[in-house]
Amino acid sequence: MKNKKNSQEKWMDQPDEYKSSNESILDKFEDEQMTDPIPLEELKQQAQDEKNKRHTKSSSSSEKYDRRNEGL
């Protein structure tokens, strides 16, 4: 069960869209209730692009998302 949970968390790029009984960190503070979460997958991709400047256009997070949803 733990492995399944870890694999689900790996693909949770937008955690605010998943139903949960736990209070979201964005709900804890009134001034942050209108804040959008930062998509970590895109941040990781941008960091890799900064390291590897010659191949920045050879990969994108949206392509990865499309590949994951092809089987649906």
C-alpha atoms as a PDB file:
ATOM      1  CA  MET A   1       0.000   0.000   0.000  1.00  0.00           C
ATOM      2  CA  LYS A   2       2.836   2.383   0.813  1.00  0.00           C
ATOM      3  CA  ASN A   3       4.382   1.968  -2.667  1.00  0.00           C
ATOM      4  CA  LYS A   4       1.037   2.761  -4.290  1.00  0.00           C
ATOM      5  CA  LYS A   5       0.727   5.944  -2.220  1.00  0.00           C
ATOM      6  CA  ASN A   6       4.244   7.048  -3.176  1.00  0.00           C
ATOM      7  CA  SER A   7       3.544   6.491  -6.868  1.00  0.00           C
ATOM      8  CA  GLN A   8       0.341   8.548  -6.623  1.00  0.00           C
ATOM      9  CA  GLU A   9       2.145  11.393  -4.850  1.00  0.00           C
ATOM     10  CA  LYS A  10       4.756  11.375  -7.605  1.00  0.00           C
ATOM     11  CA  TRP A  11       2.120  12.394 -10.180  1.00  0.00           C
ATOM     12  CA  MET A  12       0.220  14.888  -7.976  1.00  0.00           C
ATOM     13  CA  ASP A  13       1.298  18.043  -9.748  1.00  0.00           C
ATOM     14  CA  GLN A  14      -1.886  19.841  -8.649  1.00  0.00           C
ATOM     15  CA  PRO A  15      -2.617  18.645  -5.118  1.00  0.00           C
ATOM     16  CA  ASP A  16      -5.435  21.151  -4.614  1.00  0.00           C
ATOM     17  CA  GLU A  17      -7.592  19.217  -7.097  1.00  0.00           C
ATOM     18  CA  TYR A  18      -7.535  15.957  -5.103  1.00  0.00           C
ATOM     19  CA  LYS A  19     -10.199  15.298  -2.484  1.00  0.00           C
ATOM     20  CA  SER A  20      -8.815  14.772   0.988  1.00  0.00           C
ATOM     21  CA  SER A  21     -10.023  14.931   4.553  1.00  0.00           C
ATOM     22  CA  ASN A  22      -6.829  16.766   5.522  1.00  0.00           C
ATOM     23  CA  GLU A  23      -6.809  20.545   5.619  1.00  0.00           C
ATOM     24  CA  SER A  24      -4.760  22.044   2.809  1.00  0.00           C
ATOM     25  CA  ILE A  25      -1.870  24.321   3.664  1.00  0.00           C
ATOM     26  CA  LEU A  26      -3.571  26.930   1.474  1.00  0.00           C
ATOM     27  CA  ASP A  27      -6.682  26.789   3.688  1.00  0.00           C
ATOM     28  CA  LYS A  28      -4.850  27.407   6.964  1.00  0.00           C
ATOM     29  CA  PHE A  29      -4.261  31.118   6.465  1.00  0.00           C
ATOM     30  CA  GLU A  30      -6.947  33.507   5.261  1.00  0.00           C
ATOM     31  CA  ASP A  31      -4.586  35.636   3.159  1.00  0.00           C
ATOM     32  CA  GLU A  32      -3.357  32.533   1.284  1.00  0.00           C
ATOM     33  CA  GLN A  33      -6.762  31.127   0.356  1.00  0.00           C
ATOM     34  CA  MET A  34      -6.668  32.727  -3.096  1.00  0.00           C
ATOM     35  CA  THR A  35      -3.131  31.525  -3.819  1.00  0.00           C
ATOM     36  CA  ASP A  36      -2.455  28.987  -6.545  1.00  0.00           C
ATOM     37  CA  PRO A  37       0.012  26.222  -5.695  1.00  0.00           C
ATOM     38  CA  ILE A  38       3.262  26.202  -7.643  1.00  0.00           C
ATOM     39  CA  PRO A  39       3.475  23.180  -9.965  1.00  0.00           C
ATOM     40  CA  LEU A  40       6.644  21.486  -8.728  1.00  0.00           C
ATOM     41  CA  GLU A  41       7.043  19.438 -11.889  1.00  0.00           C
ATOM     42  CA  GLU A  42       7.468  22.613 -13.943  1.00  0.00           C
ATOM     43  CA  LEU A  43       9.931  24.062 -11.426  1.00  0.00           C
ATOM     44  CA  LYS A  44      12.046  20.907 -11.600  1.00  0.00           C
ATOM     45  CA  GLN A  45      11.952  21.033 -15.397  1.00  0.00           C
ATOM     46  CA  GLN A  46      13.031  24.692 -15.387  1.00  0.00           C
ATOM     47  CA  ALA A  47      15.920  23.911 -13.034  1.00  0.00           C
ATOM     48  CA  GLN A  48      17.078  21.117 -15.357  1.00  0.00           C
ATOM     49  CA  ASP A  49      16.781  23.462 -18.340  1.00  0.00           C
ATOM     50  CA  GLU A  50      18.976  26.020 -16.576  1.00  0.00           C
ATOM     51  CA  LYS A  51      21.643  23.368 -15.991  1.00  0.00           C
ATOM     52  CA  ASN A  52      21.439  22.015 -19.543  1.00  0.00           C
ATOM     53  CA  LYS A  53      20.947  25.140 -21.665  1.00  0.00           C
ATOM     54  CA  ARG A  54      21.580  23.489 -25.057  1.00  0.00           C
ATOM     55  CA  HIS A  55      18.653  21.071 -24.716  1.00  0.00           C
ATOM     56  CA  THR A  56      16.015  23.292 -23.129  1.00  0.00           C
ATOM     57  CA  LYS A  57      13.461  22.817 -25.890  1.00  0.00           C
ATOM     58  CA  SER A  58      13.864  19.044 -26.122  1.00  0.00           C
ATOM     59  CA  SER A  59      11.615  18.415 -23.119  1.00  0.00           C
ATOM     60  CA  SER A  60       8.541  19.946 -21.514  1.00  0.00           C
ATOM     61  CA  SER A  61       6.291  19.142 -18.583  1.00  0.00           C
ATOM     62  CA  SER A  62       3.180  19.382 -20.771  1.00  0.00           C
ATOM     63  CA  GLU A  63       4.510  16.617 -23.042  1.00  0.00           C
ATOM     64  CA  LYS A  64       4.998  14.385 -20.007  1.00  0.00           C
ATOM     65  CA  TYR A  65       1.431  15.125 -18.893  1.00  0.00           C
ATOM     66  CA  ASP A  66       0.059  14.240 -22.344  1.00  0.00           C
ATOM     67  CA  ARG A  67       1.969  10.947 -22.399  1.00  0.00           C
ATOM     68  CA  ARG A  68       0.556   9.951 -19.005  1.00  0.00           C
ATOM     69  CA  ASN A  69      -3.019  10.633 -20.131  1.00  0.00           C
ATOM     70  CA  GLU A  70      -2.827   8.761 -23.450  1.00  0.00           C
ATOM     71  CA  GLY A  71      -3.981   5.510 -21.822  1.00  0.00           C
ATOM     72  CA  LEU A  72      -7.145   7.065 -20.347  1.00  0.00           C
END
